[in-house]
């Protein structure tokens, strides 16, 4: 599972494919960020600029610790897209680490950089279409 330091930014790269494995551009797409422990929606947005591969920026505000008593929080990124009358949905869970001394939602820009780089992928199929999500965390 990918790990993001609280108040840090990350990029989720999403690539879309049809049932034959060929890259496609969806006709519409959206995403949600859900806190796994509580089920609370952190963010819900449409993806405006569509292509075969897109980047979703997970901002420092998206990656705050909601409860300072938690050592970490798990967030689920849910991406939904439509293509040729089909609907695809997939998820990627990632962990936000509570850093000692940082308050949840802190706006201190000097504390936002991540100290590691990592990436992982998740592939899913739905309604004969598929896509993959790769989350990259860079300092």
C-alpha atoms as a PDB file:
ATOM      1  CA  UNK A   1       0.000   0.000   0.000  1.00  0.00           C
ATOM      2  CA  UNK A   2       1.318   3.427  -0.917  1.00  0.00           C
ATOM      3  CA  UNK A   3       2.061   5.823   1.912  1.00  0.00           C
ATOM      4  CA  UNK A   4       1.740   9.615   1.841  1.00  0.00           C
ATOM      5  CA  UNK A   5       2.868  11.915   4.643  1.00  0.00           C
ATOM      6  CA  UNK A   6       0.073  14.130   5.938  1.00  0.00           C
ATOM      7  CA  UNK A   7      -0.175  17.523   4.214  1.00  0.00           C
ATOM      8  CA  UNK A   8       1.805  16.173   1.215  1.00  0.00           C
ATOM      9  CA  UNK A   9       0.748  16.094  -2.431  1.00  0.00           C
ATOM     10  CA  UNK A  10       0.681  13.024  -4.675  1.00  0.00           C
ATOM     11  CA  UNK A  11      -0.219  12.216  -8.285  1.00  0.00           C
ATOM     12  CA  UNK A  12      -2.480   9.316  -9.271  1.00  0.00           C
ATOM     13  CA  UNK A  13      -1.916   8.340 -12.903  1.00  0.00           C
ATOM     14  CA  UNK A  14      -4.953   6.672 -14.470  1.00  0.00           C
ATOM     15  CA  UNK A  15      -4.787   4.786 -17.794  1.00  0.00           C
ATOM     16  CA  UNK A  16      -7.966   3.598 -19.546  1.00  0.00           C
ATOM     17  CA  UNK A  17      -8.269   0.476 -21.774  1.00  0.00           C
ATOM     18  CA  UNK A  18     -11.072  -1.265 -23.671  1.00  0.00           C
ATOM     19  CA  UNK A  19     -11.953  -4.960 -23.502  1.00  0.00           C
ATOM     20  CA  UNK A  20      -9.233  -5.738 -26.095  1.00  0.00           C
ATOM     21  CA  UNK A  21      -6.541  -4.034 -24.023  1.00  0.00           C
ATOM     22  CA  UNK A  22      -6.333  -1.043 -26.369  1.00  0.00           C
ATOM     23  CA  UNK A  23      -5.975   2.403 -24.833  1.00  0.00           C
ATOM     24  CA  UNK A  24      -9.156   4.507 -25.027  1.00  0.00           C
ATOM     25  CA  UNK A  25     -10.297   7.989 -24.091  1.00  0.00           C
ATOM     26  CA  UNK A  26     -13.456   7.838 -21.969  1.00  0.00           C
ATOM     27  CA  UNK A  27     -16.442  10.068 -22.669  1.00  0.00           C
ATOM     28  CA  UNK A  28     -16.693  11.021 -18.984  1.00  0.00           C
ATOM     29  CA  UNK A  29     -14.880  10.293 -15.732  1.00  0.00           C
ATOM     30  CA  UNK A  30     -15.007  11.306 -12.088  1.00  0.00           C
ATOM     31  CA  UNK A  31     -13.324  10.432  -8.814  1.00  0.00           C
ATOM     32  CA  UNK A  32     -13.950  10.402  -5.086  1.00  0.00           C
ATOM     33  CA  UNK A  33     -11.683  10.275  -2.056  1.00  0.00           C
ATOM     34  CA  UNK A  34     -13.266   8.401   0.862  1.00  0.00           C
ATOM     35  CA  UNK A  35     -11.817   8.021   4.371  1.00  0.00           C
ATOM     36  CA  UNK A  36     -11.955   4.273   4.943  1.00  0.00           C
ATOM     37  CA  UNK A  37     -12.321   4.374   8.774  1.00  0.00           C
ATOM     38  CA  UNK A  38     -15.343   6.707   8.737  1.00  0.00           C
ATOM     39  CA  UNK A  39     -16.768   6.462   5.216  1.00  0.00           C
ATOM     40  CA  UNK A  40     -16.636  10.260   4.971  1.00  0.00           C
ATOM     41  CA  UNK A  41     -16.188  11.789   1.521  1.00  0.00           C
ATOM     42  CA  UNK A  42     -13.069  13.966   1.416  1.00  0.00           C
ATOM     43  CA  UNK A  43     -13.544  15.043  -2.195  1.00  0.00           C
ATOM     44  CA  UNK A  44     -15.758  14.326  -5.198  1.00  0.00           C
ATOM     45  CA  UNK A  45     -14.911  15.780  -8.611  1.00  0.00           C
ATOM     46  CA  UNK A  46     -15.418  15.372 -12.338  1.00  0.00           C
ATOM     47  CA  UNK A  47     -12.348  14.891 -14.486  1.00  0.00           C
ATOM     48  CA  UNK A  48     -12.508  17.607 -17.134  1.00  0.00           C
ATOM     49  CA  UNK A  49      -9.608  16.965 -19.495  1.00  0.00           C
ATOM     50  CA  UNK A  50      -9.884  13.351 -20.652  1.00  0.00           C
ATOM     51  CA  UNK A  51      -7.240  11.347 -22.488  1.00  0.00           C
ATOM     52  CA  UNK A  52      -5.981   7.757 -22.614  1.00  0.00           C
ATOM     53  CA  UNK A  53      -3.868   8.543 -19.536  1.00  0.00           C
ATOM     54  CA  UNK A  54      -4.611  11.301 -17.040  1.00  0.00           C
ATOM     55  CA  UNK A  55      -3.126  12.570 -13.782  1.00  0.00           C
ATOM     56  CA  UNK A  56      -5.239  13.291 -10.727  1.00  0.00           C
ATOM     57  CA  UNK A  57      -3.485  15.604  -8.290  1.00  0.00           C
ATOM     58  CA  UNK A  58      -4.108  14.643  -4.687  1.00  0.00           C
ATOM     59  CA  UNK A  59      -3.360  17.938  -2.953  1.00  0.00           C
ATOM     60  CA  UNK A  60      -1.968  18.558   0.508  1.00  0.00           C
ATOM     61  CA  UNK A  61      -5.526  19.487   1.569  1.00  0.00           C
ATOM     62  CA  UNK A  62      -6.768  16.104   0.281  1.00  0.00           C
ATOM     63  CA  UNK A  63      -4.115  14.399   2.414  1.00  0.00           C
ATOM     64  CA  UNK A  64      -4.754  15.860   5.852  1.00  0.00           C
ATOM     65  CA  UNK A  65      -5.236  13.743   8.955  1.00  0.00           C
ATOM     66  CA  UNK A  66      -8.877  14.185   9.961  1.00  0.00           C
ATOM     67  CA  UNK A  67      -8.462  12.803  13.495  1.00  0.00           C
ATOM     68  CA  UNK A  68      -5.191  13.737  15.245  1.00  0.00           C
ATOM     69  CA  UNK A  69      -5.563  10.657  17.481  1.00  0.00           C
ATOM     70  CA  UNK A  70      -5.008   8.342  14.482  1.00  0.00           C
ATOM     71  CA  UNK A  71      -1.441   7.240  13.691  1.00  0.00           C
ATOM     72  CA  UNK A  72      -2.561   6.966  10.062  1.00  0.00           C
ATOM     73  CA  UNK A  73      -5.703   7.066   7.935  1.00  0.00           C
ATOM     74  CA  UNK A  74      -6.564   4.941   4.916  1.00  0.00           C
ATOM     75  CA  UNK A  75      -8.092   6.790   1.958  1.00  0.00           C
ATOM     76  CA  UNK A  76      -9.803   5.080  -0.978  1.00  0.00           C
ATOM     77  CA  UNK A  77      -9.522   6.718  -4.405  1.00  0.00           C
ATOM     78  CA  UNK A  78     -12.539   5.645  -6.491  1.00  0.00           C
ATOM     79  CA  UNK A  79     -12.420   6.366 -10.231  1.00  0.00           C
ATOM     80  CA  UNK A  80     -15.516   5.913 -12.410  1.00  0.00           C
ATOM     81  CA  UNK A  81     -15.567   6.286 -16.211  1.00  0.00           C
ATOM     82  CA  UNK A  82     -17.868   5.797 -19.184  1.00  0.00           C
ATOM     83  CA  UNK A  83     -16.859   4.608 -22.627  1.00  0.00           C
ATOM     84  CA  UNK A  84     -19.002   3.307 -25.481  1.00  0.00           C
ATOM     85  CA  UNK A  85     -22.015   2.781 -23.208  1.00  0.00           C
ATOM     86  CA  UNK A  86     -19.975   0.906 -20.598  1.00  0.00           C
ATOM     87  CA  UNK A  87     -19.153   1.941 -17.030  1.00  0.00           C
ATOM     88  CA  UNK A  88     -15.910   1.111 -15.254  1.00  0.00           C
ATOM     89  CA  UNK A  89     -15.188   1.565 -11.545  1.00  0.00           C
ATOM     90  CA  UNK A  90     -12.010   0.787  -9.651  1.00  0.00           C
ATOM     91  CA  UNK A  91     -10.353   1.729  -6.371  1.00  0.00           C
ATOM     92  CA  UNK A  92      -6.925   2.292  -4.889  1.00  0.00           C
ATOM     93  CA  UNK A  93      -6.316   2.478  -1.131  1.00  0.00           C
ATOM     94  CA  UNK A  94      -3.432   4.529   0.233  1.00  0.00           C
ATOM     95  CA  UNK A  95      -2.246   5.416   3.717  1.00  0.00           C
ATOM     96  CA  UNK A  96      -1.791   8.952   5.084  1.00  0.00           C
ATOM     97  CA  UNK A  97       0.759   8.962   7.914  1.00  0.00           C
ATOM     98  CA  UNK A  98       0.189  11.276  10.893  1.00  0.00           C
ATOM     99  CA  UNK A  99       3.473  13.115  11.473  1.00  0.00           C
ATOM    100  CA  UNK A 100       4.171  14.034  15.105  1.00  0.00           C
ATOM    101  CA  UNK A 101       4.030  17.783  15.629  1.00  0.00           C
ATOM    102  CA  UNK A 102       1.841  18.514  12.596  1.00  0.00           C
ATOM    103  CA  UNK A 103      -1.782  19.327  13.273  1.00  0.00           C
ATOM    104  CA  UNK A 104      -4.337  17.930  10.817  1.00  0.00           C
ATOM    105  CA  UNK A 105      -5.080  20.471   8.116  1.00  0.00           C
ATOM    106  CA  UNK A 106      -1.976  22.507   8.919  1.00  0.00           C
ATOM    107  CA  UNK A 107      -1.122  25.038   6.248  1.00  0.00           C
ATOM    108  CA  UNK A 108       2.602  25.096   6.956  1.00  0.00           C
ATOM    109  CA  UNK A 109       4.161  24.746   3.521  1.00  0.00           C
ATOM    110  CA  UNK A 110       7.599  23.940   4.940  1.00  0.00           C
ATOM    111  CA  UNK A 111       6.277  20.638   6.333  1.00  0.00           C
ATOM    112  CA  UNK A 112       4.576  19.318   3.193  1.00  0.00           C
ATOM    113  CA  UNK A 113       7.327  17.443   1.373  1.00  0.00           C
ATOM    114  CA  UNK A 114       7.390  13.685   1.421  1.00  0.00           C
ATOM    115  CA  UNK A 115      10.613  11.953   2.360  1.00  0.00           C
ATOM    116  CA  UNK A 116      10.215   8.985   0.031  1.00  0.00           C
ATOM    117  CA  UNK A 117       9.282   8.008  -3.498  1.00  0.00           C
ATOM    118  CA  UNK A 118       7.119   5.033  -4.345  1.00  0.00           C
ATOM    119  CA  UNK A 119       4.611   3.806  -6.848  1.00  0.00           C
ATOM    120  CA  UNK A 120       2.205   0.920  -7.161  1.00  0.00           C
ATOM    121  CA  UNK A 121      -0.454  -0.195  -9.572  1.00  0.00           C
ATOM    122  CA  UNK A 122      -3.901  -1.677  -9.356  1.00  0.00           C
ATOM    123  CA  UNK A 123      -5.780  -3.013 -12.345  1.00  0.00           C
ATOM    124  CA  UNK A 124      -9.465  -3.771 -12.469  1.00  0.00           C
ATOM    125  CA  UNK A 125     -12.038  -4.886 -14.995  1.00  0.00           C
ATOM    126  CA  UNK A 126     -15.676  -3.859 -15.161  1.00  0.00           C
ATOM    127  CA  UNK A 127     -18.265  -4.226 -17.916  1.00  0.00           C
ATOM    128  CA  UNK A 128     -15.642  -5.568 -20.365  1.00  0.00           C
ATOM    129  CA  UNK A 129     -13.561  -2.397 -19.994  1.00  0.00           C
ATOM    130  CA  UNK A 130     -10.619  -1.881 -17.710  1.00  0.00           C
ATOM    131  CA  UNK A 131      -8.139   0.657 -16.488  1.00  0.00           C
ATOM    132  CA  UNK A 132      -5.240   0.916 -14.108  1.00  0.00           C
ATOM    133  CA  UNK A 133      -4.260   3.402 -11.429  1.00  0.00           C
ATOM    134  CA  UNK A 134      -0.702   4.113 -10.421  1.00  0.00           C
ATOM    135  CA  UNK A 135      -0.055   6.384  -7.430  1.00  0.00           C
ATOM    136  CA  UNK A 136       3.277   8.185  -7.312  1.00  0.00           C
ATOM    137  CA  UNK A 137       4.508  10.051  -4.285  1.00  0.00           C
ATOM    138  CA  UNK A 138       7.477  12.295  -4.900  1.00  0.00           C
ATOM    139  CA  UNK A 139       9.162  14.870  -2.670  1.00  0.00           C
END
